[in-house]
């Protein structure tokens, strides 16, 4: 298993609540849950880099991740969602994390 950590920093004029409302209303949450499958967590920050969102997704392998991300990108509703939220984003980054053998997330 591997974990993808995605970090979005929003532009100052868009609070995390505005992003989360759009994510739920526009179907982004529903599509990601259906296609990507294993959401491990979705967070806003209170300390550190503010106006940020962090979400974690679990995959069986890098190939599984690539396949699921391609299916998501092919969805017209996902593309419409991206058009709505892209103006909110200042930066995006992601990391692929591999759990240690003693990690509770395996």
PDB file of N, CA and C in Angstrom:
ATOM      1  N   UNK A   1       0.837  -1.183   0.000  1.00  0.00           N
ATOM      2  CA  UNK A   1       0.000   0.000   0.000  1.00  0.00           C
ATOM      3  C   UNK A   1       0.881   1.244   0.000  1.00  0.00           C
ATOM      4  N   UNK A   2       0.332   2.289  -0.608  1.00  0.00           N
ATOM      5  CA  UNK A   2       0.990   3.591  -0.513  1.00  0.00           C
ATOM      6  C   UNK A   2      -0.071   4.643  -0.237  1.00  0.00           C
ATOM      7  N   UNK A   3       0.385   5.777   0.278  1.00  0.00           N
ATOM      8  CA  UNK A   3      -0.501   6.886   0.637  1.00  0.00           C
ATOM      9  C   UNK A   3      -0.075   8.102  -0.164  1.00  0.00           C
ATOM     10  N   UNK A   4      -1.042   8.746  -0.786  1.00  0.00           N
ATOM     11  CA  UNK A   4      -0.762  10.010  -1.457  1.00  0.00           C
ATOM     12  C   UNK A   4      -1.228  11.144  -0.547  1.00  0.00           C
ATOM     13  N   UNK A   5      -0.320  12.047  -0.276  1.00  0.00           N
ATOM     14  CA  UNK A   5      -0.637  13.252   0.491  1.00  0.00           C
ATOM     15  C   UNK A   5      -0.743  14.398  -0.506  1.00  0.00           C
ATOM     16  N   UNK A   6      -1.887  15.062  -0.528  1.00  0.00           N
ATOM     17  CA  UNK A   6      -2.088  16.212  -1.410  1.00  0.00           C
ATOM     18  C   UNK A   6      -2.261  17.444  -0.530  1.00  0.00           C
ATOM     19  N   UNK A   7      -1.513  18.498  -0.833  1.00  0.00           N
ATOM     20  CA  UNK A   7      -1.548  19.744  -0.070  1.00  0.00           C
ATOM     21  C   UNK A   7      -1.949  20.870  -1.007  1.00  0.00           C
ATOM     22  N   UNK A   8      -3.044  21.537  -0.680  1.00  0.00           N
ATOM     23  CA  UNK A   8      -3.511  22.689  -1.452  1.00  0.00           C
ATOM     24  C   UNK A   8      -3.446  23.912  -0.552  1.00  0.00           C
ATOM     25  N   UNK A   9      -2.789  24.953  -1.018  1.00  0.00           N
ATOM     26  CA  UNK A   9      -2.775  26.229  -0.322  1.00  0.00           C
ATOM     27  C   UNK A   9      -3.671  27.154  -1.137  1.00  0.00           C
ATOM     28  N   UNK A  10      -4.656  27.726  -0.454  1.00  0.00           N
ATOM     29  CA  UNK A  10      -5.642  28.572  -1.122  1.00  0.00           C
ATOM     30  C   UNK A  10      -5.170  30.018  -1.196  1.00  0.00           C
ATOM     31  N   UNK A  11      -5.675  30.733  -2.173  1.00  0.00           N
ATOM     32  CA  UNK A  11      -5.433  32.178  -2.250  1.00  0.00           C
ATOM     33  C   UNK A  11      -6.086  32.830  -1.035  1.00  0.00           C
ATOM     34  N   UNK A  12      -5.531  33.940  -0.583  1.00  0.00           N
ATOM     35  CA  UNK A  12      -5.980  34.587   0.658  1.00  0.00           C
ATOM     36  C   UNK A  12      -7.462  34.943   0.643  1.00  0.00           C
ATOM     37  N   UNK A  13      -8.007  35.253  -0.517  1.00  0.00           N
ATOM     38  CA  UNK A  13      -9.417  35.665  -0.569  1.00  0.00           C
ATOM     39  C   UNK A  13     -10.400  34.490  -0.499  1.00  0.00           C
ATOM     40  N   UNK A  14      -9.889  33.262  -0.481  1.00  0.00           N
ATOM     41  CA  UNK A  14     -10.755  32.076  -0.401  1.00  0.00           C
ATOM     42  C   UNK A  14     -10.459  31.308   0.879  1.00  0.00           C
ATOM     43  N   UNK A  15     -11.340  31.355   1.855  1.00  0.00           N
ATOM     44  CA  UNK A  15     -11.128  30.575   3.073  1.00  0.00           C
ATOM     45  C   UNK A  15     -11.374  29.083   2.808  1.00  0.00           C
ATOM     46  N   UNK A  16     -10.780  28.217   3.617  1.00  0.00           N
ATOM     47  CA  UNK A  16     -11.014  26.782   3.434  1.00  0.00           C
ATOM     48  C   UNK A  16     -12.495  26.407   3.404  1.00  0.00           C
ATOM     49  N   UNK A  17     -13.319  27.086   4.175  1.00  0.00           N
ATOM     50  CA  UNK A  17     -14.751  26.771   4.188  1.00  0.00           C
ATOM     51  C   UNK A  17     -15.365  26.935   2.798  1.00  0.00           C
ATOM     52  N   UNK A  18     -14.928  27.925   2.024  1.00  0.00           N
ATOM     53  CA  UNK A  18     -15.451  28.132   0.669  1.00  0.00           C
ATOM     54  C   UNK A  18     -15.058  26.975  -0.239  1.00  0.00           C
ATOM     55  N   UNK A  19     -13.816  26.517  -0.120  1.00  0.00           N
ATOM     56  CA  UNK A  19     -13.362  25.373  -0.920  1.00  0.00           C
ATOM     57  C   UNK A  19     -14.156  24.123  -0.545  1.00  0.00           C
ATOM     58  N   UNK A  20     -14.276  23.855   0.744  1.00  0.00           N
ATOM     59  CA  UNK A  20     -14.967  22.651   1.192  1.00  0.00           C
ATOM     60  C   UNK A  20     -16.435  22.656   0.772  1.00  0.00           C
ATOM     61  N   UNK A  21     -17.057  23.823   0.799  1.00  0.00           N
ATOM     62  CA  UNK A  21     -18.455  23.922   0.360  1.00  0.00           C
ATOM     63  C   UNK A  21     -18.556  23.578  -1.120  1.00  0.00           C
ATOM     64  N   UNK A  22     -17.662  24.119  -1.946  1.00  0.00           N
ATOM     65  CA  UNK A  22     -17.661  23.817  -3.384  1.00  0.00           C
ATOM     66  C   UNK A  22     -17.364  22.335  -3.622  1.00  0.00           C
ATOM     67  N   UNK A  23     -16.449  21.775  -2.854  1.00  0.00           N
ATOM     68  CA  UNK A  23     -16.070  20.362  -2.975  1.00  0.00           C
ATOM     69  C   UNK A  23     -17.273  19.453  -2.748  1.00  0.00           C
ATOM     70  N   UNK A  24     -18.065  19.757  -1.743  1.00  0.00           N
ATOM     71  CA  UNK A  24     -19.241  18.943  -1.441  1.00  0.00           C
ATOM     72  C   UNK A  24     -20.384  19.225  -2.418  1.00  0.00           C
ATOM     73  N   UNK A  25     -20.670  20.487  -2.680  1.00  0.00           N
ATOM     74  CA  UNK A  25     -21.802  20.878  -3.520  1.00  0.00           C
ATOM     75  C   UNK A  25     -21.646  20.430  -4.970  1.00  0.00           C
ATOM     76  N   UNK A  26     -20.457  20.574  -5.515  1.00  0.00           N
ATOM     77  CA  UNK A  26     -20.250  20.339  -6.941  1.00  0.00           C
ATOM     78  C   UNK A  26     -20.028  18.876  -7.303  1.00  0.00           C
ATOM     79  N   UNK A  27     -19.920  18.020  -6.324  1.00  0.00           N
ATOM     80  CA  UNK A  27     -19.730  16.601  -6.599  1.00  0.00           C
ATOM     81  C   UNK A  27     -18.290  16.133  -6.556  1.00  0.00           C
ATOM     82  N   UNK A  28     -17.349  17.026  -6.254  1.00  0.00           N
ATOM     83  CA  UNK A  28     -15.946  16.617  -6.166  1.00  0.00           C
ATOM     84  C   UNK A  28     -15.736  15.516  -5.139  1.00  0.00           C
ATOM     85  N   UNK A  29     -16.317  15.685  -3.978  1.00  0.00           N
ATOM     86  CA  UNK A  29     -16.201  14.674  -2.918  1.00  0.00           C
ATOM     87  C   UNK A  29     -16.775  13.346  -3.378  1.00  0.00           C
ATOM     88  N   UNK A  30     -17.953  13.381  -3.952  1.00  0.00           N
ATOM     89  CA  UNK A  30     -18.614  12.149  -4.396  1.00  0.00           C
ATOM     90  C   UNK A  30     -17.785  11.434  -5.474  1.00  0.00           C
ATOM     91  N   UNK A  31     -17.287  12.188  -6.446  1.00  0.00           N
ATOM     92  CA  UNK A  31     -16.493  11.583  -7.514  1.00  0.00           C
ATOM     93  C   UNK A  31     -15.191  10.984  -6.989  1.00  0.00           C
ATOM     94  N   UNK A  32     -14.480  11.729  -6.157  1.00  0.00           N
ATOM     95  CA  UNK A  32     -13.222  11.197  -5.631  1.00  0.00           C
ATOM     96  C   UNK A  32     -13.467   9.955  -4.783  1.00  0.00           C
ATOM     97  N   UNK A  33     -14.489   9.994  -3.965  1.00  0.00           N
ATOM     98  CA  UNK A  33     -14.784   8.840  -3.115  1.00  0.00           C
ATOM     99  C   UNK A  33     -15.129   7.620  -3.967  1.00  0.00           C
ATOM    100  N   UNK A  34     -15.905   7.829  -5.015  1.00  0.00           N
ATOM    101  CA  UNK A  34     -16.319   6.728  -5.890  1.00  0.00           C
ATOM    102  C   UNK A  34     -15.149   6.172  -6.703  1.00  0.00           C
ATOM    103  N   UNK A  35     -14.329   7.053  -7.277  1.00  0.00           N
ATOM    104  CA  UNK A  35     -13.294   6.608  -8.209  1.00  0.00           C
ATOM    105  C   UNK A  35     -11.968   6.315  -7.513  1.00  0.00           C
ATOM    106  N   UNK A  36     -11.535   7.203  -6.638  1.00  0.00           N
ATOM    107  CA  UNK A  36     -10.258   6.969  -5.966  1.00  0.00           C
ATOM    108  C   UNK A  36     -10.391   5.942  -4.853  1.00  0.00           C
ATOM    109  N   UNK A  37     -11.547   5.938  -4.208  1.00  0.00           N
ATOM    110  CA  UNK A  37     -11.871   4.882  -3.269  1.00  0.00           C
ATOM    111  C   UNK A  37     -11.524   5.103  -1.820  1.00  0.00           C
ATOM    112  N   UNK A  38     -10.281   5.169  -1.491  1.00  0.00           N
ATOM    113  CA  UNK A  38      -9.881   5.065  -0.087  1.00  0.00           C
ATOM    114  C   UNK A  38      -9.355   6.389   0.470  1.00  0.00           C
ATOM    115  N   UNK A  39     -10.279   7.252   0.878  1.00  0.00           N
ATOM    116  CA  UNK A  39      -9.864   8.492   1.545  1.00  0.00           C
ATOM    117  C   UNK A  39      -9.466   8.145   2.974  1.00  0.00           C
ATOM    118  N   UNK A  40      -8.242   8.498   3.335  1.00  0.00           N
ATOM    119  CA  UNK A  40      -7.757   8.243   4.688  1.00  0.00           C
ATOM    120  C   UNK A  40      -7.984   9.434   5.602  1.00  0.00           C
ATOM    121  N   UNK A  41      -8.128  10.614   5.022  1.00  0.00           N
ATOM    122  CA  UNK A  41      -8.374  11.810   5.816  1.00  0.00           C
ATOM    123  C   UNK A  41      -8.390  13.048   4.951  1.00  0.00           C
ATOM    124  N   UNK A  42      -9.078  14.071   5.442  1.00  0.00           N
ATOM    125  CA  UNK A  42      -9.158  15.371   4.757  1.00  0.00           C
ATOM    126  C   UNK A  42      -9.133  16.420   5.864  1.00  0.00           C
ATOM    127  N   UNK A  43      -8.177  17.343   5.806  1.00  0.00           N
ATOM    128  CA  UNK A  43      -7.907  18.231   6.928  1.00  0.00           C
ATOM    129  C   UNK A  43      -7.736  19.677   6.490  1.00  0.00           C
ATOM    130  N   UNK A  44      -8.029  20.583   7.389  1.00  0.00           N
ATOM    131  CA  UNK A  44      -7.649  21.985   7.246  1.00  0.00           C
ATOM    132  C   UNK A  44      -6.580  22.256   8.299  1.00  0.00           C
ATOM    133  N   UNK A  45      -5.792  23.314   8.102  1.00  0.00           N
ATOM    134  CA  UNK A  45      -4.706  23.597   9.041  1.00  0.00           C
ATOM    135  C   UNK A  45      -5.113  24.662  10.053  1.00  0.00           C
ATOM    136  N   UNK A  46      -4.608  24.519  11.260  1.00  0.00           N
ATOM    137  CA  UNK A  46      -4.817  25.482  12.336  1.00  0.00           C
ATOM    138  C   UNK A  46      -3.512  26.168  12.726  1.00  0.00           C
ATOM    139  N   UNK A  47      -2.393  25.481  12.503  1.00  0.00           N
ATOM    140  CA  UNK A  47      -1.069  25.982  12.847  1.00  0.00           C
ATOM    141  C   UNK A  47      -0.157  25.663  11.661  1.00  0.00           C
ATOM    142  N   UNK A  48       0.810  26.509  11.417  1.00  0.00           N
ATOM    143  CA  UNK A  48       1.723  26.298  10.296  1.00  0.00           C
ATOM    144  C   UNK A  48       1.235  27.080   9.091  1.00  0.00           C
ATOM    145  N   UNK A  49       1.326  26.478   7.927  1.00  0.00           N
ATOM    146  CA  UNK A  49       0.879  27.150   6.707  1.00  0.00           C
ATOM    147  C   UNK A  49      -0.640  27.207   6.696  1.00  0.00           C
ATOM    148  N   UNK A  50      -1.171  28.399   6.956  1.00  0.00           N
ATOM    149  CA  UNK A  50      -2.615  28.567   7.064  1.00  0.00           C
ATOM    150  C   UNK A  50      -3.262  28.602   5.680  1.00  0.00           C
ATOM    151  N   UNK A  51      -4.596  28.527   5.681  1.00  0.00           N
ATOM    152  CA  UNK A  51      -5.371  28.536   4.450  1.00  0.00           C
ATOM    153  C   UNK A  51      -5.008  27.334   3.576  1.00  0.00           C
ATOM    154  N   UNK A  52      -4.715  26.221   4.248  1.00  0.00           N
ATOM    155  CA  UNK A  52      -4.284  25.015   3.555  1.00  0.00           C
ATOM    156  C   UNK A  52      -5.242  23.861   3.812  1.00  0.00           C
ATOM    157  N   UNK A  53      -5.258  22.954   2.851  1.00  0.00           N
ATOM    158  CA  UNK A  53      -6.029  21.720   2.944  1.00  0.00           C
ATOM    159  C   UNK A  53      -5.084  20.560   2.681  1.00  0.00           C
ATOM    160  N   UNK A  54      -5.202  19.518   3.467  1.00  0.00           N
ATOM    161  CA  UNK A  54      -4.392  18.321   3.275  1.00  0.00           C
ATOM    162  C   UNK A  54      -5.350  17.144   3.179  1.00  0.00           C
ATOM    163  N   UNK A  55      -5.170  16.331   2.144  1.00  0.00           N
ATOM    164  CA  UNK A  55      -5.954  15.104   2.096  1.00  0.00           C
ATOM    165  C   UNK A  55      -5.060  13.933   1.755  1.00  0.00           C
ATOM    166  N   UNK A  56      -5.437  12.785   2.307  1.00  0.00           N
ATOM    167  CA  UNK A  56      -4.664  11.551   2.187  1.00  0.00           C
ATOM    168  C   UNK A  56      -5.520  10.486   1.517  1.00  0.00           C
ATOM    169  N   UNK A  57      -4.927   9.805   0.526  1.00  0.00           N
ATOM    170  CA  UNK A  57      -5.619   8.753  -0.229  1.00  0.00           C
ATOM    171  C   UNK A  57      -4.766   7.500  -0.228  1.00  0.00           C
ATOM    172  N   UNK A  58      -5.375   6.360   0.019  1.00  0.00           N
ATOM    173  CA  UNK A  58      -4.664   5.090   0.022  1.00  0.00           C
ATOM    174  C   UNK A  58      -4.850   4.346  -1.286  1.00  0.00           C
ATOM    175  N   UNK A  59      -3.764   3.739  -1.772  1.00  0.00           N
ATOM    176  CA  UNK A  59      -3.783   2.951  -3.011  1.00  0.00           C
ATOM    177  C   UNK A  59      -3.021   1.649  -2.785  1.00  0.00           C
ATOM    178  N   UNK A  60      -3.377   0.649  -3.559  1.00  0.00           N
ATOM    179  CA  UNK A  60      -2.680  -0.638  -3.473  1.00  0.00           C
ATOM    180  C   UNK A  60      -1.263  -0.536  -4.026  1.00  0.00           C
ATOM    181  N   UNK A  61      -1.079   0.305  -5.060  1.00  0.00           N
ATOM    182  CA  UNK A  61       0.224   0.438  -5.709  1.00  0.00           C
ATOM    183  C   UNK A  61       0.252   1.746  -6.489  1.00  0.00           C
ATOM    184  N   UNK A  62       1.425   2.085  -7.025  1.00  0.00           N
ATOM    185  CA  UNK A  62       1.540   3.276  -7.864  1.00  0.00           C
ATOM    186  C   UNK A  62       0.708   3.104  -9.133  1.00  0.00           C
ATOM    187  N   UNK A  63       0.655   1.894  -9.648  1.00  0.00           N
ATOM    188  CA  UNK A  63      -0.141   1.607 -10.842  1.00  0.00           C
ATOM    189  C   UNK A  63      -1.633   1.776 -10.557  1.00  0.00           C
ATOM    190  N   UNK A  64      -2.080   1.327  -9.383  1.00  0.00           N
ATOM    191  CA  UNK A  64      -3.471   1.507  -8.976  1.00  0.00           C
ATOM    192  C   UNK A  64      -3.805   3.000  -8.908  1.00  0.00           C
ATOM    193  N   UNK A  65      -2.902   3.780  -8.325  1.00  0.00           N
ATOM    194  CA  UNK A  65      -3.105   5.227  -8.246  1.00  0.00           C
ATOM    195  C   UNK A  65      -3.212   5.829  -9.639  1.00  0.00           C
ATOM    196  N   UNK A  66      -2.287   5.489 -10.528  1.00  0.00           N
ATOM    197  CA  UNK A  66      -2.289   6.045 -11.887  1.00  0.00           C
ATOM    198  C   UNK A  66      -3.591   5.707 -12.613  1.00  0.00           C
ATOM    199  N   UNK A  67      -4.048   4.481 -12.486  1.00  0.00           N
ATOM    200  CA  UNK A  67      -5.296   4.057 -13.139  1.00  0.00           C
ATOM    201  C   UNK A  67      -6.491   4.844 -12.605  1.00  0.00           C
ATOM    202  N   UNK A  68      -6.594   4.963 -11.295  1.00  0.00           N
ATOM    203  CA  UNK A  68      -7.731   5.661 -10.685  1.00  0.00           C
ATOM    204  C   UNK A  68      -7.699   7.159 -10.987  1.00  0.00           C
ATOM    205  N   UNK A  69      -6.510   7.766 -10.969  1.00  0.00           N
ATOM    206  CA  UNK A  69      -6.408   9.198 -11.286  1.00  0.00           C
ATOM    207  C   UNK A  69      -6.791   9.450 -12.746  1.00  0.00           C
ATOM    208  N   UNK A  70      -6.420   8.534 -13.656  1.00  0.00           N
ATOM    209  CA  UNK A  70      -6.796   8.674 -15.072  1.00  0.00           C
ATOM    210  C   UNK A  70      -8.308   8.565 -15.247  1.00  0.00           C
ATOM    211  N   UNK A  71      -8.937   7.642 -14.536  1.00  0.00           N
ATOM    212  CA  UNK A  71     -10.398   7.522 -14.601  1.00  0.00           C
ATOM    213  C   UNK A  71     -11.075   8.794 -14.097  1.00  0.00           C
ATOM    214  N   UNK A  72     -10.546   9.359 -13.017  1.00  0.00           N
ATOM    215  CA  UNK A  72     -11.108  10.599 -12.471  1.00  0.00           C
ATOM    216  C   UNK A  72     -10.953  11.736 -13.474  1.00  0.00           C
ATOM    217  N   UNK A  73      -9.780  11.861 -14.067  1.00  0.00           N
ATOM    218  CA  UNK A  73      -9.525  12.942 -15.029  1.00  0.00           C
ATOM    219  C   UNK A  73     -10.422  12.840 -16.255  1.00  0.00           C
ATOM    220  N   UNK A  74     -10.865  11.644 -16.599  1.00  0.00           N
ATOM    221  CA  UNK A  74     -11.719  11.441 -17.777  1.00  0.00           C
ATOM    222  C   UNK A  74     -13.180  11.809 -17.528  1.00  0.00           C
ATOM    223  N   UNK A  75     -13.547  12.055 -16.297  1.00  0.00           N
ATOM    224  CA  UNK A  75     -14.938  12.381 -15.946  1.00  0.00           C
ATOM    225  C   UNK A  75     -15.261  13.840 -16.274  1.00  0.00           C
ATOM    226  N   UNK A  76     -16.247  14.105 -17.130  1.00  0.00           N
ATOM    227  CA  UNK A  76     -16.630  15.488 -17.430  1.00  0.00           C
ATOM    228  C   UNK A  76     -17.040  16.276 -16.178  1.00  0.00           C
ATOM    229  N   UNK A  77     -17.708  15.635 -15.243  1.00  0.00           N
ATOM    230  CA  UNK A  77     -18.128  16.327 -14.018  1.00  0.00           C
ATOM    231  C   UNK A  77     -16.904  16.742 -13.195  1.00  0.00           C
ATOM    232  N   UNK A  78     -15.840  15.949 -13.241  1.00  0.00           N
ATOM    233  CA  UNK A  78     -14.613  16.303 -12.527  1.00  0.00           C
ATOM    234  C   UNK A  78     -13.970  17.530 -13.174  1.00  0.00           C
ATOM    235  N   UNK A  79     -13.964  17.570 -14.481  1.00  0.00           N
ATOM    236  CA  UNK A  79     -13.396  18.715 -15.190  1.00  0.00           C
ATOM    237  C   UNK A  79     -14.181  19.994 -14.881  1.00  0.00           C
ATOM    238  N   UNK A  80     -15.500  19.883 -14.778  1.00  0.00           N
ATOM    239  CA  UNK A  80     -16.328  21.043 -14.409  1.00  0.00           C
ATOM    240  C   UNK A  80     -15.998  21.494 -12.987  1.00  0.00           C
ATOM    241  N   UNK A  81     -15.825  20.550 -12.092  1.00  0.00           N
ATOM    242  CA  UNK A  81     -15.444  20.869 -10.711  1.00  0.00           C
ATOM    243  C   UNK A  81     -14.096  21.586 -10.677  1.00  0.00           C
ATOM    244  N   UNK A  82     -13.123  21.084 -11.420  1.00  0.00           N
ATOM    245  CA  UNK A  82     -11.801  21.714 -11.446  1.00  0.00           C
ATOM    246  C   UNK A  82     -11.878  23.154 -11.954  1.00  0.00           C
ATOM    247  N   UNK A  83     -12.707  23.389 -12.949  1.00  0.00           N
ATOM    248  CA  UNK A  83     -12.859  24.753 -13.471  1.00  0.00           C
ATOM    249  C   UNK A  83     -13.377  25.690 -12.390  1.00  0.00           C
ATOM    250  N   UNK A  84     -14.202  25.177 -11.493  1.00  0.00           N
ATOM    251  CA  UNK A  84     -14.745  25.999 -10.414  1.00  0.00           C
ATOM    252  C   UNK A  84     -13.708  26.283  -9.324  1.00  0.00           C
ATOM    253  N   UNK A  85     -12.917  25.283  -8.958  1.00  0.00           N
ATOM    254  CA  UNK A  85     -12.030  25.468  -7.802  1.00  0.00           C
ATOM    255  C   UNK A  85     -10.627  25.961  -8.155  1.00  0.00           C
ATOM    256  N   UNK A  86     -10.200  25.808  -9.389  1.00  0.00           N
ATOM    257  CA  UNK A  86      -8.829  26.242  -9.737  1.00  0.00           C
ATOM    258  C   UNK A  86      -8.545  27.696  -9.381  1.00  0.00           C
ATOM    259  N   UNK A  87      -9.493  28.633  -9.575  1.00  0.00           N
ATOM    260  CA  UNK A  87      -9.197  30.012  -9.177  1.00  0.00           C
ATOM    261  C   UNK A  87      -8.923  30.182  -7.682  1.00  0.00           C
ATOM    262  N   UNK A  88      -9.365  29.232  -6.865  1.00  0.00           N
ATOM    263  CA  UNK A  88      -9.140  29.298  -5.421  1.00  0.00           C
ATOM    264  C   UNK A  88      -7.721  28.902  -5.037  1.00  0.00           C
ATOM    265  N   UNK A  89      -7.045  28.142  -5.889  1.00  0.00           N
ATOM    266  CA  UNK A  89      -5.762  27.536  -5.529  1.00  0.00           C
ATOM    267  C   UNK A  89      -4.583  28.460  -5.765  1.00  0.00           C
ATOM    268  N   UNK A  90      -3.744  28.555  -4.760  1.00  0.00           N
ATOM    269  CA  UNK A  90      -2.478  29.280  -4.885  1.00  0.00           C
ATOM    270  C   UNK A  90      -1.383  28.296  -5.292  1.00  0.00           C
ATOM    271  N   UNK A  91      -1.254  27.201  -4.539  1.00  0.00           N
ATOM    272  CA  UNK A  91      -0.292  26.151  -4.875  1.00  0.00           C
ATOM    273  C   UNK A  91      -0.905  24.785  -4.590  1.00  0.00           C
ATOM    274  N   UNK A  92      -0.371  23.797  -5.281  1.00  0.00           N
ATOM    275  CA  UNK A  92      -0.735  22.396  -5.067  1.00  0.00           C
ATOM    276  C   UNK A  92       0.552  21.589  -5.027  1.00  0.00           C
ATOM    277  N   UNK A  93       0.595  20.609  -4.142  1.00  0.00           N
ATOM    278  CA  UNK A  93       1.719  19.679  -4.145  1.00  0.00           C
ATOM    279  C   UNK A  93       1.224  18.325  -3.666  1.00  0.00           C
ATOM    280  N   UNK A  94       1.973  17.304  -4.014  1.00  0.00           N
ATOM    281  CA  UNK A  94       1.634  15.981  -3.510  1.00  0.00           C
ATOM    282  C   UNK A  94       2.899  15.189  -3.253  1.00  0.00           C
ATOM    283  N   UNK A  95       2.752  14.197  -2.377  1.00  0.00           N
ATOM    284  CA  UNK A  95       3.839  13.289  -2.050  1.00  0.00           C
ATOM    285  C   UNK A  95       3.271  11.880  -1.997  1.00  0.00           C
ATOM    286  N   UNK A  96       4.082  10.933  -2.394  1.00  0.00           N
ATOM    287  CA  UNK A  96       3.719   9.530  -2.251  1.00  0.00           C
ATOM    288  C   UNK A  96       4.463   9.009  -1.026  1.00  0.00           C
ATOM    289  N   UNK A  97       3.709   8.493  -0.070  1.00  0.00           N
ATOM    290  CA  UNK A  97       4.250   8.005   1.200  1.00  0.00           C
ATOM    291  C   UNK A  97       4.109   6.489   1.262  1.00  0.00           C
ATOM    292  N   UNK A  98       5.145   5.820   1.668  1.00  0.00           N
ATOM    293  CA  UNK A  98       5.122   4.365   1.822  1.00  0.00           C
ATOM    294  C   UNK A  98       5.174   4.061   3.312  1.00  0.00           C
ATOM    295  N   UNK A  99       4.126   3.422   3.864  1.00  0.00           N
ATOM    296  CA  UNK A  99       4.087   3.156   5.305  1.00  0.00           C
ATOM    297  C   UNK A  99       5.225   2.231   5.760  1.00  0.00           C
ATOM    298  N   UNK A 100       5.783   2.534   6.904  1.00  0.00           N
ATOM    299  CA  UNK A 100       6.749   1.649   7.549  1.00  0.00           C
ATOM    300  C   UNK A 100       6.033   0.384   8.000  1.00  0.00           C
ATOM    301  N   UNK A 101       6.778  -0.675   8.230  1.00  0.00           N
ATOM    302  CA  UNK A 101       6.153  -1.943   8.590  1.00  0.00           C
ATOM    303  C   UNK A 101       5.363  -1.897   9.893  1.00  0.00           C
ATOM    304  N   UNK A 102       5.610  -0.900  10.749  1.00  0.00           N
ATOM    305  CA  UNK A 102       4.890  -0.796  12.028  1.00  0.00           C
ATOM    306  C   UNK A 102       3.817   0.303  11.990  1.00  0.00           C
ATOM    307  N   UNK A 103       3.614   0.918  10.846  1.00  0.00           N
ATOM    308  CA  UNK A 103       2.620   2.009  10.752  1.00  0.00           C
ATOM    309  C   UNK A 103       1.215   1.449  10.932  1.00  0.00           C
ATOM    310  N   UNK A 104       0.359   2.174  11.699  1.00  0.00           N
ATOM    311  CA  UNK A 104      -1.024   1.722  11.831  1.00  0.00           C
ATOM    312  C   UNK A 104      -1.805   1.823  10.521  1.00  0.00           C
ATOM    313  N   UNK A 105      -1.359   2.677   9.615  1.00  0.00           N
ATOM    314  CA  UNK A 105      -1.960   2.735   8.271  1.00  0.00           C
ATOM    315  C   UNK A 105      -1.088   1.864   7.382  1.00  0.00           C
ATOM    316  N   UNK A 106      -1.608   0.745   6.942  1.00  0.00           N
ATOM    317  CA  UNK A 106      -0.855  -0.188   6.102  1.00  0.00           C
ATOM    318  C   UNK A 106      -1.684  -0.470   4.895  1.00  0.00           C
TER     319      UNK A 106
END
